[in-house]
Amino acid sequence: MKERKKFRQTMICLLAAGAMLFTGTAMAQAGADKTKSAATAKVSKEVKSKTREAATKKRATVIKEAVTALAQTKKAIEALDKKDKQKALDALAVVSGKLDIVIAREPDMANAPIDVRVETYDLISSVDTIKKAVKTAKDLLDDGEVQQAREILMGLTSEIDLVVTSLPLASYSQGIKAVAKLVDEGKYQEAKASLYDLLSTLVITKNVIPLPILRAEEMLKKAETLAAQKNRTKEQNKELASLLADTRTQLEMAEALGYGNKNEYKTFYKQLKEIEKKTEGGKFGKGYTEKLKNSLKKFKEKIFGILHKEHI
């Protein structure tokens, strides 16, 4: 029993050491670079580029009027603290006006994005370690050790999260108008409490991009170039085989971490095996990786479309 408990504690420590959360800080990035495997290092530059690209697209959806509306809401609270009725009303008028513009321009929009941040959870671990961790977590849950299982499960993440904070247009707009009435009546405390309630209704939406899938895509791109090359050298053949093997490892890691279901991975492995057969012995040709690349693209889009929403 003691050995089993010790193993669980060791597993938690391993995952805690292997899972790293960084949001662009130099210190975290330096630590991650030191522990990255040679396989992931091959596509590190491309993965960073894809991350920036995805974040830029999301940031482009931020609505300036909604950002201003939020800032003016906070100014209204500051004015109410000072019991400055006119400044509070002026700020609320700006909020109401900005939201009316957004609603008029985008009548079907429910939530207006005001902020986008990128969170990266990079798990440096082997597939076997991940599988053992999953089994340990299951055993802990079976034993009713929910919190210990939680510690392990929290480390079983390898993804980029694009976290979008949005303002709920309809309810926020109506709420601001109700607050303006309270301010006009001199009910400052009630008005301030209502504004804090409105701020608590901001919606957080999370878009997930699994890092192993992103890396597998980039490895396939490199493999595609080599696969189409005639008269490859022994070193090039070795590099191609290594890229395909690394692609398989990344897919196995994504599967072990629970991104998607087993049937989807059966298709991926089958398509990868086809590429390996077509390129073995120095054989070459174009389009060998297209099937798997398209499958991964659709899969990533499906995963990315899974939105986790919550209120602040």
C-alpha atoms as a PDB file:
ATOM      1  CA  MET A   1       0.000   0.000   0.000  1.00  0.00           C
ATOM      2  CA  LYS A   2       2.868   2.351   0.892  1.00  0.00           C
ATOM      3  CA  GLU A   3       4.636   1.561  -2.401  1.00  0.00           C
ATOM      4  CA  ARG A   4       1.456   2.254  -4.323  1.00  0.00           C
ATOM      5  CA  LYS A   5       1.036   5.625  -2.591  1.00  0.00           C
ATOM      6  CA  LYS A   6       4.691   6.461  -3.247  1.00  0.00           C
ATOM      7  CA  PHE A   7       4.235   5.630  -6.950  1.00  0.00           C
ATOM      8  CA  ARG A   8       1.233   7.957  -7.147  1.00  0.00           C
ATOM      9  CA  GLN A   9       3.164  10.779  -5.508  1.00  0.00           C
ATOM     10  CA  THR A  10       6.059  10.222  -7.918  1.00  0.00           C
ATOM     11  CA  MET A  11       3.659  10.334 -10.863  1.00  0.00           C
ATOM     12  CA  ILE A  12       2.224  13.645  -9.685  1.00  0.00           C
ATOM     13  CA  CYS A  13       5.738  15.090  -9.340  1.00  0.00           C
ATOM     14  CA  LEU A  14       6.753  13.875 -12.807  1.00  0.00           C
ATOM     15  CA  LEU A  15       3.746  15.491 -14.446  1.00  0.00           C
ATOM     16  CA  ALA A  16       4.161  18.676 -12.447  1.00  0.00           C
ATOM     17  CA  ALA A  17       7.736  18.876 -13.714  1.00  0.00           C
ATOM     18  CA  GLY A  18       6.746  17.996 -17.259  1.00  0.00           C
ATOM     19  CA  ALA A  19       3.757  20.276 -17.653  1.00  0.00           C
ATOM     20  CA  MET A  20       4.646  23.914 -18.006  1.00  0.00           C
ATOM     21  CA  LEU A  21       2.348  26.911 -18.361  1.00  0.00           C
ATOM     22  CA  PHE A  22       3.912  29.889 -20.065  1.00  0.00           C
ATOM     23  CA  THR A  23       2.408  32.985 -21.680  1.00  0.00           C
ATOM     24  CA  GLY A  24       5.390  34.353 -23.496  1.00  0.00           C
ATOM     25  CA  THR A  25       7.759  35.114 -20.611  1.00  0.00           C
ATOM     26  CA  ALA A  26      11.444  34.679 -21.377  1.00  0.00           C
ATOM     27  CA  MET A  27      12.105  32.622 -18.255  1.00  0.00           C
ATOM     28  CA  ALA A  28       9.391  30.056 -18.961  1.00  0.00           C
ATOM     29  CA  GLN A  29      10.346  29.818 -22.607  1.00  0.00           C
ATOM     30  CA  ALA A  30      13.993  29.252 -21.755  1.00  0.00           C
ATOM     31  CA  GLY A  31      13.043  26.439 -19.400  1.00  0.00           C
ATOM     32  CA  ALA A  32      10.829  24.819 -22.007  1.00  0.00           C
ATOM     33  CA  ASP A  33      13.513  24.992 -24.704  1.00  0.00           C
ATOM     34  CA  LYS A  34      16.012  23.163 -22.500  1.00  0.00           C
ATOM     35  CA  THR A  35      13.709  20.192 -21.967  1.00  0.00           C
ATOM     36  CA  LYS A  36      12.207  19.875 -25.443  1.00  0.00           C
ATOM     37  CA  SER A  37      12.946  16.660 -27.262  1.00  0.00           C
ATOM     38  CA  ALA A  38      14.824  16.704 -30.544  1.00  0.00           C
ATOM     39  CA  ALA A  39      11.596  15.822 -32.350  1.00  0.00           C
ATOM     40  CA  THR A  40       9.601  18.789 -31.071  1.00  0.00           C
ATOM     41  CA  ALA A  41      12.583  21.090 -31.529  1.00  0.00           C
ATOM     42  CA  LYS A  42      12.480  20.318 -35.266  1.00  0.00           C
ATOM     43  CA  VAL A  43       9.177  22.147 -35.602  1.00  0.00           C
ATOM     44  CA  SER A  44       9.459  24.604 -32.706  1.00  0.00           C
ATOM     45  CA  LYS A  45       9.765  27.646 -34.972  1.00  0.00           C
ATOM     46  CA  GLU A  46       6.782  26.630 -37.112  1.00  0.00           C
ATOM     47  CA  VAL A  47       4.602  25.919 -34.075  1.00  0.00           C
ATOM     48  CA  LYS A  48       5.379  29.344 -32.608  1.00  0.00           C
ATOM     49  CA  SER A  49       4.499  30.940 -35.936  1.00  0.00           C
ATOM     50  CA  LYS A  50       1.173  29.093 -36.086  1.00  0.00           C
ATOM     51  CA  THR A  51       0.400  30.157 -32.523  1.00  0.00           C
ATOM     52  CA  ARG A  52       1.047  33.809 -33.336  1.00  0.00           C
ATOM     53  CA  GLU A  53      -1.084  33.495 -36.476  1.00  0.00           C
ATOM     54  CA  ALA A  54      -4.033  32.002 -34.584  1.00  0.00           C
ATOM     55  CA  ALA A  55      -3.759  34.615 -31.836  1.00  0.00           C
ATOM     56  CA  THR A  56      -3.607  37.453 -34.377  1.00  0.00           C
ATOM     57  CA  LYS A  57      -6.782  36.216 -36.070  1.00  0.00           C
ATOM     58  CA  LYS A  58      -8.581  36.052 -32.738  1.00  0.00           C
ATOM     59  CA  ARG A  59      -7.344  39.486 -31.670  1.00  0.00           C
ATOM     60  CA  ALA A  60      -8.725  40.895 -34.913  1.00  0.00           C
ATOM     61  CA  THR A  61     -12.217  40.036 -33.637  1.00  0.00           C
ATOM     62  CA  VAL A  62     -11.901  42.388 -30.628  1.00  0.00           C
ATOM     63  CA  ILE A  63     -14.470  45.181 -30.917  1.00  0.00           C
ATOM     64  CA  LYS A  64     -13.126  48.606 -29.979  1.00  0.00           C
ATOM     65  CA  GLU A  65     -16.523  50.007 -28.993  1.00  0.00           C
ATOM     66  CA  ALA A  66     -17.019  47.157 -26.529  1.00  0.00           C
ATOM     67  CA  VAL A  67     -13.563  47.762 -25.048  1.00  0.00           C
ATOM     68  CA  THR A  68     -14.462  51.427 -24.596  1.00  0.00           C
ATOM     69  CA  ALA A  69     -17.799  50.445 -23.042  1.00  0.00           C
ATOM     70  CA  LEU A  70     -16.008  48.338 -20.436  1.00  0.00           C
ATOM     71  CA  ALA A  71     -13.512  51.109 -19.644  1.00  0.00           C
ATOM     72  CA  GLN A  72     -16.319  53.651 -19.247  1.00  0.00           C
ATOM     73  CA  THR A  73     -18.207  51.272 -16.944  1.00  0.00           C
ATOM     74  CA  LYS A  74     -15.211  51.344 -14.623  1.00  0.00           C
ATOM     75  CA  LYS A  75     -15.095  55.148 -14.868  1.00  0.00           C
ATOM     76  CA  ALA A  76     -18.764  55.261 -13.881  1.00  0.00           C
ATOM     77  CA  ILE A  77     -17.943  53.216 -10.769  1.00  0.00           C
ATOM     78  CA  GLU A  78     -15.113  55.619  -9.882  1.00  0.00           C
ATOM     79  CA  ALA A  79     -17.499  58.579 -10.270  1.00  0.00           C
ATOM     80  CA  LEU A  80     -20.079  56.883  -8.053  1.00  0.00           C
ATOM     81  CA  ASP A  81     -17.427  56.373  -5.375  1.00  0.00           C
ATOM     82  CA  LYS A  82     -17.026  60.150  -5.367  1.00  0.00           C
ATOM     83  CA  LYS A  83     -20.802  60.660  -5.638  1.00  0.00           C
ATOM     84  CA  ASP A  84     -20.214  62.619  -8.828  1.00  0.00           C
ATOM     85  CA  LYS A  85     -23.596  62.193 -10.468  1.00  0.00           C
ATOM     86  CA  GLN A  86     -22.840  63.996 -13.723  1.00  0.00           C
ATOM     87  CA  LYS A  87     -19.575  62.188 -14.430  1.00  0.00           C
ATOM     88  CA  ALA A  88     -21.272  58.862 -13.731  1.00  0.00           C
ATOM     89  CA  LEU A  89     -24.128  59.677 -16.096  1.00  0.00           C
ATOM     90  CA  ASP A  90     -21.714  60.892 -18.781  1.00  0.00           C
ATOM     91  CA  ALA A  91     -19.730  57.643 -18.562  1.00  0.00           C
ATOM     92  CA  LEU A  92     -22.902  55.540 -18.713  1.00  0.00           C
ATOM     93  CA  ALA A  93     -24.088  57.542 -21.734  1.00  0.00           C
ATOM     94  CA  VAL A  94     -20.838  56.648 -23.535  1.00  0.00           C
ATOM     95  CA  VAL A  95     -21.289  52.976 -22.603  1.00  0.00           C
ATOM     96  CA  SER A  96     -24.864  52.939 -23.869  1.00  0.00           C
ATOM     97  CA  GLY A  97     -23.941  54.750 -27.078  1.00  0.00           C
ATOM     98  CA  LYS A  98     -21.014  52.449 -27.884  1.00  0.00           C
ATOM     99  CA  LEU A  99     -23.103  49.332 -27.303  1.00  0.00           C
ATOM    100  CA  ASP A 100     -25.925  50.704 -29.481  1.00  0.00           C
ATOM    101  CA  ILE A 101     -23.411  51.116 -32.299  1.00  0.00           C
ATOM    102  CA  VAL A 102     -22.235  47.505 -31.971  1.00  0.00           C
ATOM    103  CA  ILE A 103     -25.792  46.158 -31.794  1.00  0.00           C
ATOM    104  CA  ALA A 104     -26.844  48.188 -34.837  1.00  0.00           C
ATOM    105  CA  ARG A 105     -23.812  47.031 -36.818  1.00  0.00           C
ATOM    106  CA  GLU A 106     -23.918  43.384 -35.666  1.00  0.00           C
ATOM    107  CA  PRO A 107     -27.556  42.609 -34.746  1.00  0.00           C
ATOM    108  CA  ASP A 108     -26.911  38.859 -34.557  1.00  0.00           C
ATOM    109  CA  MET A 109     -23.880  39.136 -32.271  1.00  0.00           C
ATOM    110  CA  ALA A 110     -24.533  37.875 -28.746  1.00  0.00           C
ATOM    111  CA  ASN A 111     -21.112  38.519 -27.180  1.00  0.00           C
ATOM    112  CA  ALA A 112     -18.667  41.251 -28.180  1.00  0.00           C
ATOM    113  CA  PRO A 113     -14.974  40.261 -27.727  1.00  0.00           C
ATOM    114  CA  ILE A 114     -12.982  42.730 -25.618  1.00  0.00           C
ATOM    115  CA  ASP A 115      -9.782  40.799 -24.883  1.00  0.00           C
ATOM    116  CA  VAL A 116      -7.772  37.825 -26.170  1.00  0.00           C
ATOM    117  CA  ARG A 117      -4.939  36.103 -24.342  1.00  0.00           C
ATOM    118  CA  VAL A 118      -2.816  33.066 -25.197  1.00  0.00           C
ATOM    119  CA  GLU A 119      -2.065  30.349 -22.651  1.00  0.00           C
ATOM    120  CA  THR A 120       0.333  27.530 -23.569  1.00  0.00           C
ATOM    121  CA  TYR A 121       0.502  24.293 -21.602  1.00  0.00           C
ATOM    122  CA  ASP A 122       3.519  22.366 -22.877  1.00  0.00           C
ATOM    123  CA  LEU A 123       3.847  18.814 -21.589  1.00  0.00           C
ATOM    124  CA  ILE A 124       7.325  17.342 -21.959  1.00  0.00           C
ATOM    125  CA  SER A 125       6.780  13.631 -21.388  1.00  0.00           C
ATOM    126  CA  SER A 126       6.758  10.227 -23.049  1.00  0.00           C
ATOM    127  CA  VAL A 127       3.630   8.456 -24.261  1.00  0.00           C
ATOM    128  CA  ASP A 128       4.247   5.627 -21.763  1.00  0.00           C
ATOM    129  CA  THR A 129       4.439   8.078 -18.858  1.00  0.00           C
ATOM    130  CA  ILE A 130       1.178   9.692 -19.947  1.00  0.00           C
ATOM    131  CA  LYS A 131      -0.569   6.318 -20.177  1.00  0.00           C
ATOM    132  CA  LYS A 132       0.680   5.364 -16.724  1.00  0.00           C
ATOM    133  CA  ALA A 133      -0.535   8.701 -15.369  1.00  0.00           C
ATOM    134  CA  VAL A 134      -4.004   8.155 -16.866  1.00  0.00           C
ATOM    135  CA  LYS A 135      -4.170   4.695 -15.301  1.00  0.00           C
ATOM    136  CA  THR A 136      -3.023   6.085 -11.945  1.00  0.00           C
ATOM    137  CA  ALA A 137      -5.697   8.803 -12.105  1.00  0.00           C
ATOM    138  CA  LYS A 138      -8.363   6.185 -12.846  1.00  0.00           C
ATOM    139  CA  ASP A 139      -7.188   4.051  -9.908  1.00  0.00           C
ATOM    140  CA  LEU A 140      -7.297   7.084  -7.623  1.00  0.00           C
ATOM    141  CA  LEU A 141     -10.850   7.913  -8.723  1.00  0.00           C
ATOM    142  CA  ASP A 142     -11.876   4.299  -8.119  1.00  0.00           C
ATOM    143  CA  ASP A 143     -10.453   4.634  -4.593  1.00  0.00           C
ATOM    144  CA  GLY A 144     -12.319   7.900  -4.033  1.00  0.00           C
ATOM    145  CA  GLU A 145      -9.094   9.947  -4.018  1.00  0.00           C
ATOM    146  CA  VAL A 146     -10.596  12.703  -6.154  1.00  0.00           C
ATOM    147  CA  GLN A 147      -8.161  15.495  -5.269  1.00  0.00           C
ATOM    148  CA  GLN A 148      -5.067  13.356  -5.893  1.00  0.00           C
ATOM    149  CA  ALA A 149      -6.522  12.291  -9.235  1.00  0.00           C
ATOM    150  CA  ARG A 150      -7.177  15.945  -9.998  1.00  0.00           C
ATOM    151  CA  GLU A 151      -3.521  16.791  -9.424  1.00  0.00           C
ATOM    152  CA  ILE A 152      -2.524  14.229 -12.043  1.00  0.00           C
ATOM    153  CA  LEU A 153      -5.239  15.139 -14.549  1.00  0.00           C
ATOM    154  CA  MET A 154      -4.328  18.821 -14.382  1.00  0.00           C
ATOM    155  CA  GLY A 155      -0.882  17.908 -15.691  1.00  0.00           C
ATOM    156  CA  LEU A 156      -2.256  15.907 -18.618  1.00  0.00           C
ATOM    157  CA  THR A 157      -2.455  18.897 -20.948  1.00  0.00           C
ATOM    158  CA  SER A 158      -0.474  19.832 -24.024  1.00  0.00           C
ATOM    159  CA  GLU A 159      -2.256  22.627 -25.821  1.00  0.00           C
ATOM    160  CA  ILE A 160      -2.538  26.251 -26.786  1.00  0.00           C
ATOM    161  CA  ASP A 161      -5.623  27.983 -25.393  1.00  0.00           C
ATOM    162  CA  LEU A 162      -6.925  31.156 -26.977  1.00  0.00           C
ATOM    163  CA  VAL A 163      -8.979  32.689 -24.182  1.00  0.00           C
ATOM    164  CA  VAL A 164     -11.474  35.332 -25.306  1.00  0.00           C
ATOM    165  CA  THR A 165     -13.275  37.611 -22.849  1.00  0.00           C
ATOM    166  CA  SER A 166     -16.533  39.017 -24.218  1.00  0.00           C
ATOM    167  CA  LEU A 167     -19.233  41.427 -23.178  1.00  0.00           C
ATOM    168  CA  PRO A 168     -22.835  40.082 -23.421  1.00  0.00           C
ATOM    169  CA  LEU A 169     -24.397  42.771 -25.579  1.00  0.00           C
ATOM    170  CA  ALA A 170     -28.146  42.593 -24.959  1.00  0.00           C
ATOM    171  CA  SER A 171     -28.139  42.080 -21.185  1.00  0.00           C
ATOM    172  CA  TYR A 172     -25.265  44.508 -20.617  1.00  0.00           C
ATOM    173  CA  SER A 173     -26.937  47.240 -22.655  1.00  0.00           C
ATOM    174  CA  GLN A 174     -30.237  46.845 -20.815  1.00  0.00           C
ATOM    175  CA  GLY A 175     -28.434  46.755 -17.483  1.00  0.00           C
ATOM    176  CA  ILE A 176     -26.596  50.014 -18.184  1.00  0.00           C
ATOM    177  CA  LYS A 177     -29.877  51.786 -18.919  1.00  0.00           C
ATOM    178  CA  ALA A 178     -31.324  50.520 -15.629  1.00  0.00           C
ATOM    179  CA  VAL A 179     -28.233  51.735 -13.764  1.00  0.00           C
ATOM    180  CA  ALA A 180     -28.508  55.185 -15.351  1.00  0.00           C
ATOM    181  CA  LYS A 181     -32.007  55.463 -13.895  1.00  0.00           C
ATOM    182  CA  LEU A 182     -30.702  54.583 -10.419  1.00  0.00           C
ATOM    183  CA  VAL A 183     -27.949  57.195 -10.709  1.00  0.00           C
ATOM    184  CA  ASP A 184     -30.457  59.816 -11.837  1.00  0.00           C
ATOM    185  CA  GLU A 185     -32.483  59.033  -8.714  1.00  0.00           C
ATOM    186  CA  GLY A 186     -29.403  59.450  -6.533  1.00  0.00           C
ATOM    187  CA  LYS A 187     -29.248  55.748  -5.563  1.00  0.00           C
ATOM    188  CA  TYR A 188     -25.469  55.551  -5.856  1.00  0.00           C
ATOM    189  CA  GLN A 189     -24.830  52.399  -3.824  1.00  0.00           C
ATOM    190  CA  GLU A 190     -27.496  50.443  -5.695  1.00  0.00           C
ATOM    191  CA  ALA A 191     -26.142  51.712  -9.006  1.00  0.00           C
ATOM    192  CA  LYS A 192     -22.587  50.718  -8.109  1.00  0.00           C
ATOM    193  CA  ALA A 193     -23.690  47.259  -6.967  1.00  0.00           C
ATOM    194  CA  SER A 194     -25.572  46.816 -10.256  1.00  0.00           C
ATOM    195  CA  LEU A 195     -22.482  47.778 -12.258  1.00  0.00           C
ATOM    196  CA  TYR A 196     -20.389  45.212 -10.384  1.00  0.00           C
ATOM    197  CA  ASP A 197     -23.081  42.630 -11.151  1.00  0.00           C
ATOM    198  CA  LEU A 198     -22.862  43.539 -14.835  1.00  0.00           C
ATOM    199  CA  LEU A 199     -19.080  43.159 -14.805  1.00  0.00           C
ATOM    200  CA  SER A 200     -19.527  39.661 -13.373  1.00  0.00           C
ATOM    201  CA  THR A 201     -21.496  38.658 -16.490  1.00  0.00           C
ATOM    202  CA  LEU A 202     -18.492  38.928 -18.824  1.00  0.00           C
ATOM    203  CA  VAL A 203     -18.155  35.673 -20.763  1.00  0.00           C
ATOM    204  CA  ILE A 204     -14.905  33.720 -21.127  1.00  0.00           C
ATOM    205  CA  THR A 205     -14.583  31.484 -24.191  1.00  0.00           C
ATOM    206  CA  LYS A 206     -11.682  29.079 -24.613  1.00  0.00           C
ATOM    207  CA  ASN A 207     -10.497  27.726 -27.989  1.00  0.00           C
ATOM    208  CA  VAL A 208      -8.177  24.716 -27.734  1.00  0.00           C
ATOM    209  CA  ILE A 209      -5.382  23.784 -30.157  1.00  0.00           C
ATOM    210  CA  PRO A 210      -3.650  20.486 -29.170  1.00  0.00           C
ATOM    211  CA  LEU A 211       0.116  20.942 -29.453  1.00  0.00           C
ATOM    212  CA  PRO A 212       0.844  17.326 -30.500  1.00  0.00           C
ATOM    213  CA  ILE A 213      -1.559  17.693 -33.449  1.00  0.00           C
ATOM    214  CA  LEU A 214      -0.015  21.019 -34.424  1.00  0.00           C
ATOM    215  CA  ARG A 215       3.450  19.471 -34.271  1.00  0.00           C
ATOM    216  CA  ALA A 216       2.346  16.434 -36.285  1.00  0.00           C
ATOM    217  CA  GLU A 217       1.071  18.768 -39.014  1.00  0.00           C
ATOM    218  CA  GLU A 218       4.362  20.627 -39.189  1.00  0.00           C
ATOM    219  CA  MET A 219       6.361  17.389 -39.234  1.00  0.00           C
ATOM    220  CA  LEU A 220       4.236  16.160 -42.139  1.00  0.00           C
ATOM    221  CA  LYS A 221       4.984  19.333 -44.091  1.00  0.00           C
ATOM    222  CA  LYS A 222       8.705  18.676 -43.778  1.00  0.00           C
ATOM    223  CA  ALA A 223       8.183  15.010 -44.657  1.00  0.00           C
ATOM    224  CA  GLU A 224       6.167  15.994 -47.720  1.00  0.00           C
ATOM    225  CA  THR A 225       9.116  17.887 -49.210  1.00  0.00           C
ATOM    226  CA  LEU A 226      11.444  14.919 -48.727  1.00  0.00           C
ATOM    227  CA  ALA A 227       8.875  12.391 -49.990  1.00  0.00           C
ATOM    228  CA  ALA A 228       8.634  14.229 -53.311  1.00  0.00           C
ATOM    229  CA  GLN A 229      12.411  14.354 -53.771  1.00  0.00           C
ATOM    230  CA  LYS A 230      13.940  12.058 -56.366  1.00  0.00           C
ATOM    231  CA  ASN A 231      17.235  10.249 -55.641  1.00  0.00           C
ATOM    232  CA  ARG A 232      17.246  10.974 -51.922  1.00  0.00           C
ATOM    233  CA  THR A 233      20.514  10.358 -50.093  1.00  0.00           C
ATOM    234  CA  LYS A 234      20.767   7.859 -47.230  1.00  0.00           C
ATOM    235  CA  GLU A 235      20.726  10.754 -44.794  1.00  0.00           C
ATOM    236  CA  GLN A 236      17.593  12.173 -46.384  1.00  0.00           C
ATOM    237  CA  ASN A 237      15.884   8.779 -46.255  1.00  0.00           C
ATOM    238  CA  LYS A 238      16.822   8.555 -42.598  1.00  0.00           C
ATOM    239  CA  GLU A 239      15.479  12.060 -41.943  1.00  0.00           C
ATOM    240  CA  LEU A 240      12.191  11.222 -43.706  1.00  0.00           C
ATOM    241  CA  ALA A 241      11.755   8.035 -41.701  1.00  0.00           C
ATOM    242  CA  SER A 242      12.523   9.962 -38.519  1.00  0.00           C
ATOM    243  CA  LEU A 243       9.946  12.650 -39.328  1.00  0.00           C
ATOM    244  CA  LEU A 244       7.248  10.043 -39.949  1.00  0.00           C
ATOM    245  CA  ALA A 245       8.162   8.225 -36.731  1.00  0.00           C
ATOM    246  CA  ASP A 246       8.021  11.496 -34.819  1.00  0.00           C
ATOM    247  CA  THR A 247       4.628  12.227 -36.387  1.00  0.00           C
ATOM    248  CA  ARG A 248       3.362   8.904 -35.077  1.00  0.00           C
ATOM    249  CA  THR A 249       4.704   9.708 -31.606  1.00  0.00           C
ATOM    250  CA  GLN A 250       2.890  13.056 -31.585  1.00  0.00           C
ATOM    251  CA  LEU A 251      -0.355  11.367 -32.642  1.00  0.00           C
ATOM    252  CA  GLU A 252       0.073   8.757 -29.913  1.00  0.00           C
ATOM    253  CA  MET A 253       0.630  11.511 -27.377  1.00  0.00           C
ATOM    254  CA  ALA A 254      -2.502  13.378 -28.509  1.00  0.00           C
ATOM    255  CA  GLU A 255      -4.502  10.155 -28.270  1.00  0.00           C
ATOM    256  CA  ALA A 256      -3.126   9.341 -24.809  1.00  0.00           C
ATOM    257  CA  LEU A 257      -4.067  12.837 -23.631  1.00  0.00           C
ATOM    258  CA  GLY A 258      -7.636  12.321 -24.813  1.00  0.00           C
ATOM    259  CA  TYR A 259      -7.836  14.796 -27.673  1.00  0.00           C
ATOM    260  CA  GLY A 260     -10.502  13.159 -29.831  1.00  0.00           C
ATOM    261  CA  ASN A 261     -11.535   9.507 -29.896  1.00  0.00           C
ATOM    262  CA  LYS A 262      -9.757   6.255 -30.767  1.00  0.00           C
ATOM    263  CA  ASN A 263     -11.617   5.765 -34.071  1.00  0.00           C
ATOM    264  CA  GLU A 264     -10.224   9.027 -35.394  1.00  0.00           C
ATOM    265  CA  TYR A 265      -6.691   7.949 -34.513  1.00  0.00           C
ATOM    266  CA  LYS A 266      -7.158   4.602 -36.241  1.00  0.00           C
ATOM    267  CA  THR A 267      -7.686   6.569 -39.446  1.00  0.00           C
ATOM    268  CA  PHE A 268      -4.602   8.712 -38.781  1.00  0.00           C
ATOM    269  CA  TYR A 269      -2.369   5.684 -38.170  1.00  0.00           C
ATOM    270  CA  LYS A 270      -3.682   3.943 -41.290  1.00  0.00           C
ATOM    271  CA  GLN A 271      -2.943   6.997 -43.437  1.00  0.00           C
ATOM    272  CA  LEU A 272       0.504   7.400 -41.868  1.00  0.00           C
ATOM    273  CA  LYS A 273       1.309   3.764 -42.592  1.00  0.00           C
ATOM    274  CA  GLU A 274       0.384   4.343 -46.249  1.00  0.00           C
ATOM    275  CA  ILE A 275       2.902   7.196 -46.420  1.00  0.00           C
ATOM    276  CA  GLU A 276       5.604   5.004 -44.853  1.00  0.00           C
ATOM    277  CA  LYS A 277       4.995   2.240 -47.414  1.00  0.00           C
ATOM    278  CA  LYS A 278       4.990   4.634 -50.371  1.00  0.00           C
ATOM    279  CA  THR A 279       8.296   6.212 -49.331  1.00  0.00           C
ATOM    280  CA  GLU A 280      10.227   3.163 -48.124  1.00  0.00           C
ATOM    281  CA  GLY A 281      13.297   2.074 -50.048  1.00  0.00           C
ATOM    282  CA  GLY A 282      13.854   5.541 -51.504  1.00  0.00           C
ATOM    283  CA  LYS A 283      10.515   5.647 -53.365  1.00  0.00           C
ATOM    284  CA  PHE A 284       9.253   9.147 -54.059  1.00  0.00           C
ATOM    285  CA  GLY A 285       6.199  10.995 -55.289  1.00  0.00           C
ATOM    286  CA  LYS A 286       3.917  13.963 -54.711  1.00  0.00           C
ATOM    287  CA  GLY A 287       0.718  14.126 -52.669  1.00  0.00           C
ATOM    288  CA  TYR A 288       1.576  11.224 -50.363  1.00  0.00           C
ATOM    289  CA  THR A 289       0.804  13.211 -47.237  1.00  0.00           C
ATOM    290  CA  GLU A 290      -2.370  14.944 -48.472  1.00  0.00           C
ATOM    291  CA  LYS A 291      -4.875  12.512 -46.922  1.00  0.00           C
ATOM    292  CA  LEU A 292      -3.378  12.691 -43.457  1.00  0.00           C
ATOM    293  CA  LYS A 293      -2.807  16.448 -43.658  1.00  0.00           C
ATOM    294  CA  ASN A 294      -6.459  17.018 -44.547  1.00  0.00           C
ATOM    295  CA  SER A 295      -7.615  14.634 -41.817  1.00  0.00           C
ATOM    296  CA  LEU A 296      -5.542  16.452 -39.209  1.00  0.00           C
ATOM    297  CA  LYS A 297      -6.714  19.842 -40.432  1.00  0.00           C
ATOM    298  CA  LYS A 298     -10.384  18.849 -40.077  1.00  0.00           C
ATOM    299  CA  PHE A 299      -9.691  17.235 -36.712  1.00  0.00           C
ATOM    300  CA  LYS A 300      -7.903  20.329 -35.409  1.00  0.00           C
ATOM    301  CA  GLU A 301     -10.750  22.557 -36.600  1.00  0.00           C
ATOM    302  CA  LYS A 302     -13.235  20.337 -34.792  1.00  0.00           C
ATOM    303  CA  ILE A 303     -11.215  20.429 -31.564  1.00  0.00           C
ATOM    304  CA  PHE A 304     -10.686  24.181 -31.955  1.00  0.00           C
ATOM    305  CA  GLY A 305     -14.431  24.578 -32.309  1.00  0.00           C
ATOM    306  CA  ILE A 306     -15.024  23.115 -28.845  1.00  0.00           C
ATOM    307  CA  LEU A 307     -15.704  26.203 -26.767  1.00  0.00           C
ATOM    308  CA  HIS A 308     -15.530  26.238 -23.002  1.00  0.00           C
ATOM    309  CA  LYS A 309     -17.678  29.110 -21.735  1.00  0.00           C
ATOM    310  CA  GLU A 310     -17.935  30.487 -18.258  1.00  0.00           C
ATOM    311  CA  HIS A 311     -18.787  33.763 -16.543  1.00  0.00           C
ATOM    312  CA  ILE A 312     -16.146  35.733 -14.685  1.00  0.00           C
END
